[in-house]
């Protein structure tokens, strides 16, 4: 059913549950592939550098967030590819989904920003509104 699955991740608990759903959906269709997409937001890159002091540490912290996704995908036997993109997360995810011909986007309901405790996260909301394919938002 869904052969080209886009998983948007940021390392949050919601995106970890989204990963589990992406793997389960991928297992349902022979030949399916999961694109694990992590977006580096330029507006937050400055604070990342200030918190980690050098670019090696910044890249290490970003890669740490993808390690769990890579490990689970590998263990499950699902075909996957990790993509690191740059830009504002919502529009960048939508643009990638449209250009890559994604059949479904799977995203956590809230990311690492805990300010929006009682509402849908702004990134997942933007993706759900603008994507040209089904969007699964995982709590």
N, C-alpha and C. Protein backbone atom coordinates (compact mmCIF):
# COMPACT_ATOMS: atom_id res chain seq x y z
N UNK A 1 0.82 -1.19 0.00
CA UNK A 1 0.00 0.00 0.00
C UNK A 1 0.86 1.26 0.00
N UNK A 2 1.72 1.41 1.02
CA UNK A 2 2.62 2.55 1.07
C UNK A 2 4.04 2.04 0.82
N UNK A 3 4.60 2.37 -0.33
CA UNK A 3 5.93 1.90 -0.67
C UNK A 3 7.00 2.94 -0.36
N UNK A 4 6.64 4.20 -0.48
CA UNK A 4 7.59 5.30 -0.27
C UNK A 4 7.17 6.08 0.96
N UNK A 5 7.76 5.76 2.11
CA UNK A 5 7.35 6.30 3.41
C UNK A 5 8.36 7.33 3.87
N UNK A 6 7.88 8.50 4.23
CA UNK A 6 8.74 9.54 4.75
C UNK A 6 8.51 9.64 6.25
N UNK A 7 9.56 9.45 7.02
CA UNK A 7 9.51 9.62 8.47
C UNK A 7 10.28 10.87 8.82
N UNK A 8 9.59 11.87 9.38
CA UNK A 8 10.25 13.08 9.84
C UNK A 8 10.58 12.88 11.32
N UNK A 9 11.85 13.08 11.68
CA UNK A 9 12.27 12.81 13.05
C UNK A 9 13.11 13.94 13.60
N UNK A 10 13.06 14.09 14.92
CA UNK A 10 13.91 15.05 15.61
C UNK A 10 14.50 14.46 16.89
N UNK A 11 14.28 13.19 17.12
CA UNK A 11 14.82 12.53 18.30
C UNK A 11 13.92 12.61 19.53
N UNK A 12 12.76 13.25 19.40
CA UNK A 12 11.83 13.37 20.53
C UNK A 12 11.13 12.04 20.78
N UNK A 13 10.46 11.93 21.91
CA UNK A 13 9.70 10.71 22.23
C UNK A 13 8.60 10.46 21.20
N UNK A 14 7.93 11.53 20.76
CA UNK A 14 6.87 11.37 19.76
C UNK A 14 7.43 10.86 18.44
N UNK A 15 8.61 11.35 18.06
CA UNK A 15 9.18 10.88 16.79
C UNK A 15 9.69 9.45 16.91
N UNK A 16 10.07 9.01 18.11
CA UNK A 16 10.46 7.61 18.30
C UNK A 16 9.25 6.70 18.10
N UNK A 17 8.09 7.12 18.58
CA UNK A 17 6.88 6.33 18.36
C UNK A 17 6.47 6.38 16.89
N UNK A 18 6.71 7.51 16.24
CA UNK A 18 6.43 7.62 14.81
C UNK A 18 7.31 6.64 14.03
N UNK A 19 8.55 6.49 14.46
CA UNK A 19 9.47 5.53 13.83
C UNK A 19 8.92 4.11 13.93
N UNK A 20 8.43 3.73 15.09
CA UNK A 20 7.86 2.39 15.25
C UNK A 20 6.70 2.17 14.30
N UNK A 21 5.85 3.19 14.13
CA UNK A 21 4.73 3.09 13.19
C UNK A 21 5.22 3.00 11.76
N UNK A 22 6.24 3.77 11.41
CA UNK A 22 6.79 3.74 10.05
C UNK A 22 7.32 2.34 9.73
N UNK A 23 8.01 1.74 10.68
CA UNK A 23 8.55 0.39 10.46
C UNK A 23 7.42 -0.62 10.29
N UNK A 24 6.39 -0.54 11.13
CA UNK A 24 5.26 -1.46 11.01
C UNK A 24 4.54 -1.30 9.68
N UNK A 25 4.37 -0.08 9.22
CA UNK A 25 3.71 0.16 7.93
C UNK A 25 4.59 -0.35 6.79
N UNK A 26 5.90 -0.13 6.89
CA UNK A 26 6.81 -0.59 5.84
C UNK A 26 6.81 -2.11 5.73
N UNK A 27 6.67 -2.79 6.85
CA UNK A 27 6.66 -4.25 6.84
C UNK A 27 5.42 -4.82 6.15
N UNK A 28 4.38 -4.02 6.01
CA UNK A 28 3.12 -4.48 5.40
C UNK A 28 3.20 -4.57 3.88
N UNK A 29 4.17 -3.88 3.27
CA UNK A 29 4.25 -3.85 1.82
C UNK A 29 5.65 -4.25 1.37
N UNK A 30 5.71 -5.30 0.58
CA UNK A 30 6.98 -5.77 0.02
C UNK A 30 7.63 -4.66 -0.80
N UNK A 31 8.91 -4.43 -0.59
CA UNK A 31 9.64 -3.44 -1.40
C UNK A 31 9.48 -2.01 -0.94
N UNK A 32 8.89 -1.81 0.22
CA UNK A 32 8.73 -0.44 0.70
C UNK A 32 10.04 0.10 1.26
N UNK A 33 10.16 1.42 1.31
CA UNK A 33 11.37 2.07 1.78
C UNK A 33 10.98 3.24 2.67
N UNK A 34 11.74 3.44 3.75
CA UNK A 34 11.51 4.55 4.66
C UNK A 34 12.63 5.57 4.49
N UNK A 35 12.25 6.80 4.12
CA UNK A 35 13.20 7.91 4.12
C UNK A 35 13.12 8.57 5.48
N UNK A 36 14.18 8.46 6.27
CA UNK A 36 14.24 9.08 7.59
C UNK A 36 14.81 10.47 7.39
N UNK A 37 13.97 11.49 7.60
CA UNK A 37 14.36 12.86 7.32
C UNK A 37 14.55 13.64 8.62
N UNK A 38 15.71 14.26 8.73
CA UNK A 38 16.02 15.14 9.85
C UNK A 38 16.34 16.51 9.27
N UNK A 39 15.64 17.54 9.74
CA UNK A 39 15.82 18.88 9.18
C UNK A 39 16.60 19.74 10.17
N UNK A 40 17.69 20.33 9.68
CA UNK A 40 18.47 21.27 10.47
C UNK A 40 17.90 22.66 10.21
N UNK A 41 17.35 23.24 11.26
CA UNK A 41 16.73 24.56 11.18
C UNK A 41 17.81 25.61 11.38
N UNK A 42 18.04 26.44 10.36
CA UNK A 42 19.08 27.46 10.43
C UNK A 42 18.87 28.42 11.59
N UNK A 43 17.62 28.69 11.95
CA UNK A 43 17.36 29.63 13.05
C UNK A 43 17.78 29.06 14.39
N UNK A 44 17.92 27.73 14.49
CA UNK A 44 18.34 27.10 15.74
C UNK A 44 19.81 26.66 15.69
N UNK A 45 20.42 26.75 14.52
CA UNK A 45 21.81 26.31 14.38
C UNK A 45 22.75 27.13 15.25
N UNK A 46 22.49 28.42 15.39
CA UNK A 46 23.34 29.28 16.21
C UNK A 46 23.35 28.81 17.66
N UNK A 47 22.17 28.53 18.21
CA UNK A 47 22.12 28.08 19.61
C UNK A 47 22.76 26.70 19.76
N UNK A 48 22.65 25.84 18.73
CA UNK A 48 23.33 24.53 18.77
C UNK A 48 24.84 24.72 18.89
N UNK A 49 25.38 25.63 18.10
CA UNK A 49 26.82 25.87 18.13
C UNK A 49 27.23 26.45 19.48
N UNK A 50 26.46 27.41 20.00
CA UNK A 50 26.79 28.01 21.29
C UNK A 50 26.73 26.98 22.41
N UNK A 51 25.77 26.05 22.35
CA UNK A 51 25.65 25.03 23.39
C UNK A 51 26.72 23.96 23.29
N UNK A 52 27.22 23.70 22.09
CA UNK A 52 28.17 22.60 21.90
C UNK A 52 29.58 23.05 21.56
N UNK A 53 29.81 24.31 21.37
CA UNK A 53 31.10 24.96 21.19
C UNK A 53 31.84 24.68 19.90
N UNK A 54 31.66 23.57 19.27
CA UNK A 54 32.32 23.38 17.98
C UNK A 54 31.47 22.51 17.06
N UNK A 55 31.75 22.59 15.77
CA UNK A 55 30.89 21.93 14.78
C UNK A 55 30.92 20.41 14.91
N UNK A 56 32.00 19.84 15.40
CA UNK A 56 32.07 18.39 15.57
C UNK A 56 31.04 17.96 16.61
N UNK A 57 30.97 18.68 17.75
CA UNK A 57 29.99 18.35 18.79
C UNK A 57 28.56 18.55 18.30
N UNK A 58 28.33 19.60 17.51
CA UNK A 58 26.99 19.86 16.97
C UNK A 58 26.57 18.69 16.09
N UNK A 59 27.44 18.27 15.18
CA UNK A 59 27.11 17.15 14.30
C UNK A 59 26.93 15.87 15.08
N UNK A 60 27.73 15.66 16.14
CA UNK A 60 27.58 14.47 16.97
C UNK A 60 26.22 14.44 17.65
N UNK A 61 25.77 15.59 18.16
CA UNK A 61 24.47 15.61 18.84
C UNK A 61 23.34 15.37 17.85
N UNK A 62 23.48 15.87 16.63
CA UNK A 62 22.46 15.63 15.60
C UNK A 62 22.45 14.15 15.20
N UNK A 63 23.62 13.58 15.03
CA UNK A 63 23.70 12.18 14.61
C UNK A 63 23.19 11.26 15.71
N UNK A 64 23.38 11.64 16.97
CA UNK A 64 22.87 10.84 18.09
C UNK A 64 21.36 10.69 17.98
N UNK A 65 20.69 11.78 17.53
CA UNK A 65 19.24 11.75 17.41
C UNK A 65 18.79 10.80 16.31
N UNK A 66 19.67 10.53 15.35
CA UNK A 66 19.32 9.63 14.25
C UNK A 66 19.74 8.18 14.51
N UNK A 67 20.61 7.96 15.48
CA UNK A 67 21.12 6.62 15.74
C UNK A 67 20.01 5.63 16.09
N UNK A 68 19.08 6.04 16.93
CA UNK A 68 17.98 5.15 17.31
C UNK A 68 17.16 4.75 16.09
N UNK A 69 16.87 5.72 15.25
CA UNK A 69 16.10 5.43 14.03
C UNK A 69 16.85 4.45 13.15
N UNK A 70 18.13 4.68 12.98
CA UNK A 70 18.93 3.79 12.14
C UNK A 70 19.00 2.39 12.74
N UNK A 71 19.20 2.31 14.05
CA UNK A 71 19.31 1.02 14.73
C UNK A 71 18.02 0.21 14.58
N UNK A 72 16.88 0.84 14.86
CA UNK A 72 15.60 0.12 14.78
C UNK A 72 15.27 -0.29 13.34
N UNK A 73 15.55 0.58 12.40
CA UNK A 73 15.28 0.24 10.99
C UNK A 73 16.15 -0.93 10.55
N UNK A 74 17.40 -0.90 10.94
CA UNK A 74 18.33 -1.98 10.58
C UNK A 74 17.88 -3.30 11.19
N UNK A 75 17.52 -3.28 12.49
CA UNK A 75 17.09 -4.50 13.18
C UNK A 75 15.81 -5.08 12.59
N UNK A 76 14.94 -4.22 12.09
CA UNK A 76 13.66 -4.68 11.56
C UNK A 76 13.78 -5.24 10.15
N UNK A 77 14.89 -4.94 9.49
CA UNK A 77 15.08 -5.41 8.12
C UNK A 77 14.40 -4.55 7.08
N UNK A 78 13.90 -3.41 7.49
CA UNK A 78 13.22 -2.49 6.57
C UNK A 78 14.27 -1.70 5.78
N UNK A 79 14.00 -1.51 4.50
CA UNK A 79 14.88 -0.68 3.68
C UNK A 79 14.70 0.78 4.09
N UNK A 80 15.80 1.48 4.33
CA UNK A 80 15.70 2.86 4.79
C UNK A 80 16.86 3.67 4.24
N UNK A 81 16.69 4.97 4.26
CA UNK A 81 17.75 5.90 3.88
C UNK A 81 17.61 7.13 4.76
N UNK A 82 18.73 7.62 5.29
CA UNK A 82 18.70 8.80 6.15
C UNK A 82 19.04 10.02 5.31
N UNK A 83 18.22 11.05 5.44
CA UNK A 83 18.41 12.30 4.71
C UNK A 83 18.49 13.44 5.72
N UNK A 84 19.53 14.24 5.63
CA UNK A 84 19.62 15.44 6.45
C UNK A 84 19.40 16.62 5.53
N UNK A 85 18.36 17.40 5.86
CA UNK A 85 17.98 18.54 5.05
C UNK A 85 18.18 19.83 5.85
N UNK A 86 18.20 20.95 5.17
CA UNK A 86 18.38 22.25 5.81
C UNK A 86 17.21 23.16 5.48
N UNK A 87 16.71 23.87 6.48
CA UNK A 87 15.63 24.83 6.26
C UNK A 87 14.65 24.83 7.41
N UNK A 88 13.56 25.53 7.21
CA UNK A 88 12.49 25.53 8.21
C UNK A 88 11.81 24.17 8.14
N UNK A 89 11.69 23.46 9.27
CA UNK A 89 11.25 22.06 9.23
C UNK A 89 9.93 21.79 8.49
N UNK A 90 8.86 22.48 8.80
CA UNK A 90 7.56 22.20 8.17
C UNK A 90 7.61 22.25 6.65
N UNK A 91 7.93 23.42 6.09
CA UNK A 91 7.99 23.54 4.63
C UNK A 91 9.03 22.63 3.97
N UNK A 92 10.15 22.39 4.65
CA UNK A 92 11.19 21.53 4.08
C UNK A 92 10.72 20.09 3.98
N UNK A 93 10.02 19.63 5.00
CA UNK A 93 9.47 18.26 4.98
C UNK A 93 8.43 18.12 3.87
N UNK A 94 7.54 19.10 3.76
CA UNK A 94 6.50 19.08 2.72
C UNK A 94 7.13 19.09 1.34
N UNK A 95 8.12 19.94 1.14
CA UNK A 95 8.79 20.03 -0.16
C UNK A 95 9.45 18.70 -0.52
N UNK A 96 10.13 18.10 0.45
CA UNK A 96 10.78 16.81 0.19
C UNK A 96 9.74 15.73 -0.12
N UNK A 97 8.66 15.71 0.64
CA UNK A 97 7.60 14.71 0.42
C UNK A 97 7.03 14.84 -0.98
N UNK A 98 6.78 16.06 -1.42
CA UNK A 98 6.21 16.29 -2.74
C UNK A 98 7.19 15.90 -3.85
N UNK A 99 8.45 16.31 -3.70
CA UNK A 99 9.44 16.05 -4.75
C UNK A 99 9.87 14.59 -4.82
N UNK A 100 9.83 13.89 -3.68
CA UNK A 100 10.27 12.50 -3.68
C UNK A 100 9.13 11.52 -3.97
N UNK A 101 7.92 12.04 -4.09
CA UNK A 101 6.78 11.18 -4.38
C UNK A 101 6.39 10.29 -3.21
N UNK A 102 6.51 10.82 -2.00
CA UNK A 102 6.16 10.04 -0.80
C UNK A 102 4.69 9.64 -0.84
N UNK A 103 4.42 8.41 -0.44
CA UNK A 103 3.05 7.92 -0.36
C UNK A 103 2.40 8.33 0.96
N UNK A 104 3.21 8.52 2.00
CA UNK A 104 2.72 8.91 3.32
C UNK A 104 3.86 9.59 4.08
N UNK A 105 3.49 10.57 4.91
CA UNK A 105 4.44 11.20 5.82
C UNK A 105 4.04 10.78 7.23
N UNK A 106 5.02 10.34 8.01
CA UNK A 106 4.77 9.96 9.39
C UNK A 106 5.61 10.88 10.27
N UNK A 107 4.94 11.52 11.23
CA UNK A 107 5.61 12.53 12.05
C UNK A 107 5.03 12.50 13.46
N UNK A 108 5.86 12.81 14.43
CA UNK A 108 5.39 12.89 15.81
C UNK A 108 4.52 14.11 16.02
N UNK A 109 3.58 14.01 16.96
CA UNK A 109 2.66 15.13 17.17
C UNK A 109 3.35 16.35 17.75
N UNK A 110 4.38 16.15 18.54
CA UNK A 110 5.17 17.27 19.06
C UNK A 110 6.62 16.87 19.05
N UNK A 111 7.47 17.85 18.87
CA UNK A 111 8.89 17.58 18.83
C UNK A 111 9.57 17.87 20.14
N UNK A 112 10.81 18.27 20.05
CA UNK A 112 11.62 18.53 21.24
C UNK A 112 11.23 19.80 21.95
N UNK A 113 10.49 20.68 21.29
CA UNK A 113 10.05 21.93 21.91
C UNK A 113 8.80 21.66 22.73
N UNK A 114 8.89 21.74 24.04
CA UNK A 114 7.77 21.40 24.91
C UNK A 114 6.85 22.55 25.22
N UNK A 115 7.00 23.69 24.56
CA UNK A 115 6.17 24.85 24.88
C UNK A 115 4.70 24.65 24.55
N UNK A 116 4.42 23.86 23.53
CA UNK A 116 3.03 23.68 23.10
C UNK A 116 2.48 22.39 23.70
N UNK A 117 2.37 22.37 25.00
CA UNK A 117 2.02 21.17 25.73
C UNK A 117 0.64 20.63 25.38
N UNK A 118 -0.32 21.49 25.10
CA UNK A 118 -1.69 21.03 24.93
C UNK A 118 -2.21 21.16 23.51
N UNK A 119 -1.37 21.43 22.55
CA UNK A 119 -1.84 21.51 21.18
C UNK A 119 -0.90 20.77 20.24
N UNK A 120 -1.37 20.58 19.04
CA UNK A 120 -0.57 19.92 18.02
C UNK A 120 0.68 20.75 17.76
N UNK A 121 1.81 20.11 17.60
CA UNK A 121 3.05 20.83 17.32
C UNK A 121 2.97 21.61 16.03
N UNK A 122 3.70 22.70 15.97
CA UNK A 122 3.61 23.58 14.81
C UNK A 122 4.14 22.90 13.54
N UNK A 123 5.19 22.09 13.66
CA UNK A 123 5.74 21.42 12.47
C UNK A 123 4.75 20.38 11.95
N UNK A 124 4.23 19.54 12.84
CA UNK A 124 3.28 18.51 12.38
C UNK A 124 2.02 19.16 11.82
N UNK A 125 1.60 20.26 12.39
CA UNK A 125 0.42 20.98 11.90
C UNK A 125 0.67 21.50 10.48
N UNK A 126 1.83 22.12 10.26
CA UNK A 126 2.16 22.64 8.92
C UNK A 126 2.23 21.52 7.89
N UNK A 127 2.84 20.40 8.28
CA UNK A 127 2.97 19.27 7.36
C UNK A 127 1.58 18.73 7.01
N UNK A 128 0.74 18.54 8.02
CA UNK A 128 -0.61 17.99 7.79
C UNK A 128 -1.42 18.90 6.88
N UNK A 129 -1.28 20.19 7.03
CA UNK A 129 -2.05 21.14 6.21
C UNK A 129 -1.57 21.20 4.77
N UNK A 130 -0.27 21.04 4.55
CA UNK A 130 0.29 21.35 3.23
C UNK A 130 0.73 20.16 2.39
N UNK A 131 0.91 19.01 2.99
CA UNK A 131 1.41 17.85 2.23
C UNK A 131 0.35 17.37 1.23
N UNK A 132 0.83 16.87 0.09
CA UNK A 132 -0.07 16.36 -0.95
C UNK A 132 -0.30 14.86 -0.83
N UNK A 133 0.06 14.28 0.30
CA UNK A 133 -0.16 12.85 0.53
C UNK A 133 -0.71 12.71 1.94
N UNK A 134 -1.15 11.51 2.32
CA UNK A 134 -1.65 11.31 3.68
C UNK A 134 -0.53 11.58 4.70
N UNK A 135 -0.93 12.10 5.86
CA UNK A 135 0.01 12.37 6.95
C UNK A 135 -0.48 11.64 8.19
N UNK A 136 0.38 10.82 8.77
CA UNK A 136 0.08 10.14 10.02
C UNK A 136 0.80 10.87 11.13
N UNK A 137 0.04 11.43 12.06
CA UNK A 137 0.62 12.16 13.20
C UNK A 137 0.51 11.24 14.41
N UNK A 138 1.66 10.93 15.00
CA UNK A 138 1.73 9.95 16.08
C UNK A 138 1.92 10.66 17.42
N UNK A 139 1.07 10.28 18.40
CA UNK A 139 1.17 10.84 19.75
C UNK A 139 2.13 10.02 20.58
